[in-house]
Amino acid sequence: MEKELTSEEKQLIEREFIARQDEAFRRRRFARRAFLVGISCGITGALLRGFRLSTFASPVLMIAWLVCVMIYVGSGVFPTTFRKDMDLRWHLNPWREALQNLSESRTIAEAIALLAAPKLTGMFASFFYLALK
């Protein structure tokens, strides 16, 4: 015979499910904000370098872009538990978890855009700058 769940157990399962969904929503919202800040910092920094405007803002913006890339990927390169720290497979490939999270909940197109946008913008800005000269 199968055991029926009590109403308290059902409520506990529902609360845990709702808590996981809320956490996933907050993570996606934070990742979206990191994506938008990263794209804007990367493009602005690349434009400044492409147009040969040497300012202190350009390296700062590119560092902010790099931080946003790490946040967007999920920062899965740091162990969060002792079990993960002791697992040899994690040390051999620390990006595996981050890449799995990236492929599950976030779109690959956004990640590619976040990585490629500053380089492409810098190239186009350099071509435009050279065309103006």
Protein backbone atom coordinates (compact mmCIF):
# COMPACT_ATOMS: atom_id res chain seq x y z
CA MET A 1 0.00 0.00 0.00
CA GLU A 2 1.17 3.48 -0.77
CA LYS A 3 1.41 5.99 1.98
CA GLU A 4 -0.65 9.16 1.61
CA LEU A 5 0.94 12.47 2.45
CA THR A 6 -0.60 14.39 5.30
CA SER A 7 -1.83 17.92 4.74
CA GLU A 8 1.13 19.31 6.71
CA GLU A 9 3.58 17.44 4.50
CA LYS A 10 1.81 18.70 1.37
CA GLN A 11 1.97 22.26 2.66
CA LEU A 12 5.66 21.85 3.49
CA ILE A 13 6.38 20.57 -0.03
CA GLU A 14 4.40 23.45 -1.56
CA ARG A 15 6.28 26.01 0.55
CA GLU A 16 9.63 24.53 -0.44
CA PHE A 17 8.63 24.55 -4.10
CA ILE A 18 7.48 28.18 -3.90
CA ALA A 19 10.70 29.15 -2.09
CA ARG A 20 12.80 27.52 -4.83
CA GLN A 21 10.80 29.28 -7.53
CA ASP A 22 11.22 32.63 -5.78
CA GLU A 23 14.96 32.08 -5.42
CA ALA A 24 15.25 31.16 -9.11
CA PHE A 25 13.30 34.30 -10.06
CA ARG A 26 15.57 36.51 -7.95
CA ARG A 27 18.65 34.85 -9.48
CA ARG A 28 17.35 35.42 -13.02
CA ARG A 29 16.52 39.05 -12.24
CA PHE A 30 20.01 39.62 -10.78
CA ALA A 31 21.59 37.94 -13.80
CA ARG A 32 19.53 40.17 -16.14
CA ARG A 33 20.75 43.26 -14.33
CA ALA A 34 24.36 42.04 -14.49
CA PHE A 35 23.87 41.42 -18.21
CA LEU A 36 22.55 44.95 -18.85
CA VAL A 37 25.28 46.61 -16.79
CA GLY A 38 27.93 44.41 -18.41
CA ILE A 39 26.77 45.17 -21.95
CA SER A 40 26.67 48.91 -21.30
CA CYS A 41 30.08 48.96 -19.56
CA GLY A 42 31.69 46.78 -22.21
CA ILE A 43 30.35 48.76 -25.15
CA THR A 44 31.19 52.12 -23.59
CA GLY A 45 34.72 51.00 -22.69
CA ALA A 46 35.25 49.58 -26.17
CA LEU A 47 33.99 52.80 -27.78
CA LEU A 48 36.38 54.87 -25.69
CA ARG A 49 39.31 52.67 -26.70
CA GLY A 50 38.16 52.43 -30.33
CA PHE A 51 38.04 56.20 -30.69
CA ARG A 52 41.44 56.49 -28.96
CA LEU A 53 40.02 58.50 -26.05
CA SER A 54 42.52 57.64 -23.34
CA THR A 55 40.73 58.15 -20.06
CA PHE A 56 40.71 56.50 -16.68
CA ALA A 57 37.13 55.39 -17.36
CA SER A 58 38.01 52.92 -20.12
CA PRO A 59 39.94 50.40 -17.98
CA VAL A 60 37.47 50.83 -15.12
CA LEU A 61 34.58 50.08 -17.46
CA MET A 62 36.33 47.02 -18.84
CA ILE A 63 36.99 45.73 -15.31
CA ALA A 64 33.30 46.28 -14.51
CA TRP A 65 32.45 44.36 -17.71
CA LEU A 66 34.67 41.48 -16.62
CA VAL A 67 33.02 41.39 -13.17
CA CYS A 68 29.60 41.35 -14.82
CA VAL A 69 30.67 38.43 -17.03
CA MET A 70 31.70 36.49 -13.94
CA ILE A 71 28.44 37.32 -12.20
CA TYR A 72 26.39 36.37 -15.27
CA VAL A 73 28.13 33.04 -15.66
CA GLY A 74 27.21 32.30 -12.10
CA SER A 75 30.45 32.47 -10.19
CA GLY A 76 30.45 28.70 -10.02
CA VAL A 77 34.21 28.68 -9.83
CA PHE A 78 34.25 29.03 -6.06
CA PRO A 79 33.35 26.13 -3.80
CA THR A 80 30.26 26.82 -1.70
CA THR A 81 30.41 23.71 0.45
CA PHE A 82 33.09 21.61 2.04
CA ARG A 83 31.87 18.62 0.03
CA LYS A 84 32.49 20.47 -3.22
CA ASP A 85 35.91 21.57 -2.03
CA MET A 86 36.87 17.95 -1.32
CA ASP A 87 35.54 16.64 -4.65
CA LEU A 88 38.43 16.09 -7.07
CA ARG A 89 36.12 16.33 -10.11
CA TRP A 90 35.23 19.90 -9.14
CA HIS A 91 38.92 20.89 -9.01
CA LEU A 92 39.57 19.37 -12.42
CA ASN A 93 36.72 21.33 -14.03
CA PRO A 94 35.42 24.16 -11.82
CA TRP A 95 33.46 25.75 -14.68
CA ARG A 96 31.24 22.69 -15.23
CA GLU A 97 28.58 23.79 -12.75
CA ALA A 98 28.62 27.36 -14.02
CA LEU A 99 28.20 26.20 -17.62
CA GLN A 100 25.35 23.88 -16.63
CA ASN A 101 23.60 26.77 -14.89
CA LEU A 102 24.19 28.94 -17.94
CA SER A 103 22.66 26.40 -20.29
CA GLU A 104 19.68 25.70 -18.02
CA SER A 105 18.35 29.05 -16.94
CA ARG A 106 19.95 31.69 -19.11
CA THR A 107 20.15 31.98 -22.82
CA ILE A 108 23.38 31.25 -24.58
CA ALA A 109 22.74 34.15 -26.95
CA GLU A 110 22.91 36.63 -24.06
CA ALA A 111 26.19 35.14 -22.87
CA ILE A 112 27.68 35.33 -26.35
CA ALA A 113 26.49 38.92 -26.70
CA LEU A 114 27.99 39.81 -23.34
CA LEU A 115 31.34 38.36 -24.35
CA ALA A 116 31.46 39.50 -27.97
CA ALA A 117 29.83 42.95 -27.86
CA PRO A 118 32.84 44.88 -26.50
CA LYS A 119 35.27 43.36 -29.01
CA LEU A 120 32.97 43.90 -31.98
CA THR A 121 32.16 47.44 -30.86
CA GLY A 122 35.85 48.20 -30.42
CA MET A 123 36.61 46.92 -33.92
CA PHE A 124 33.81 48.95 -35.50
CA ALA A 125 34.82 52.06 -33.54
CA SER A 126 38.44 51.63 -34.67
CA PHE A 127 37.37 51.27 -38.31
CA PHE A 128 35.12 54.31 -38.00
CA TYR A 129 37.94 56.30 -36.33
CA LEU A 130 40.39 55.33 -39.07
CA ALA A 131 37.83 56.23 -41.73
CA LEU A 132 37.43 59.68 -40.22
CA LYS A 133 41.19 60.28 -40.20
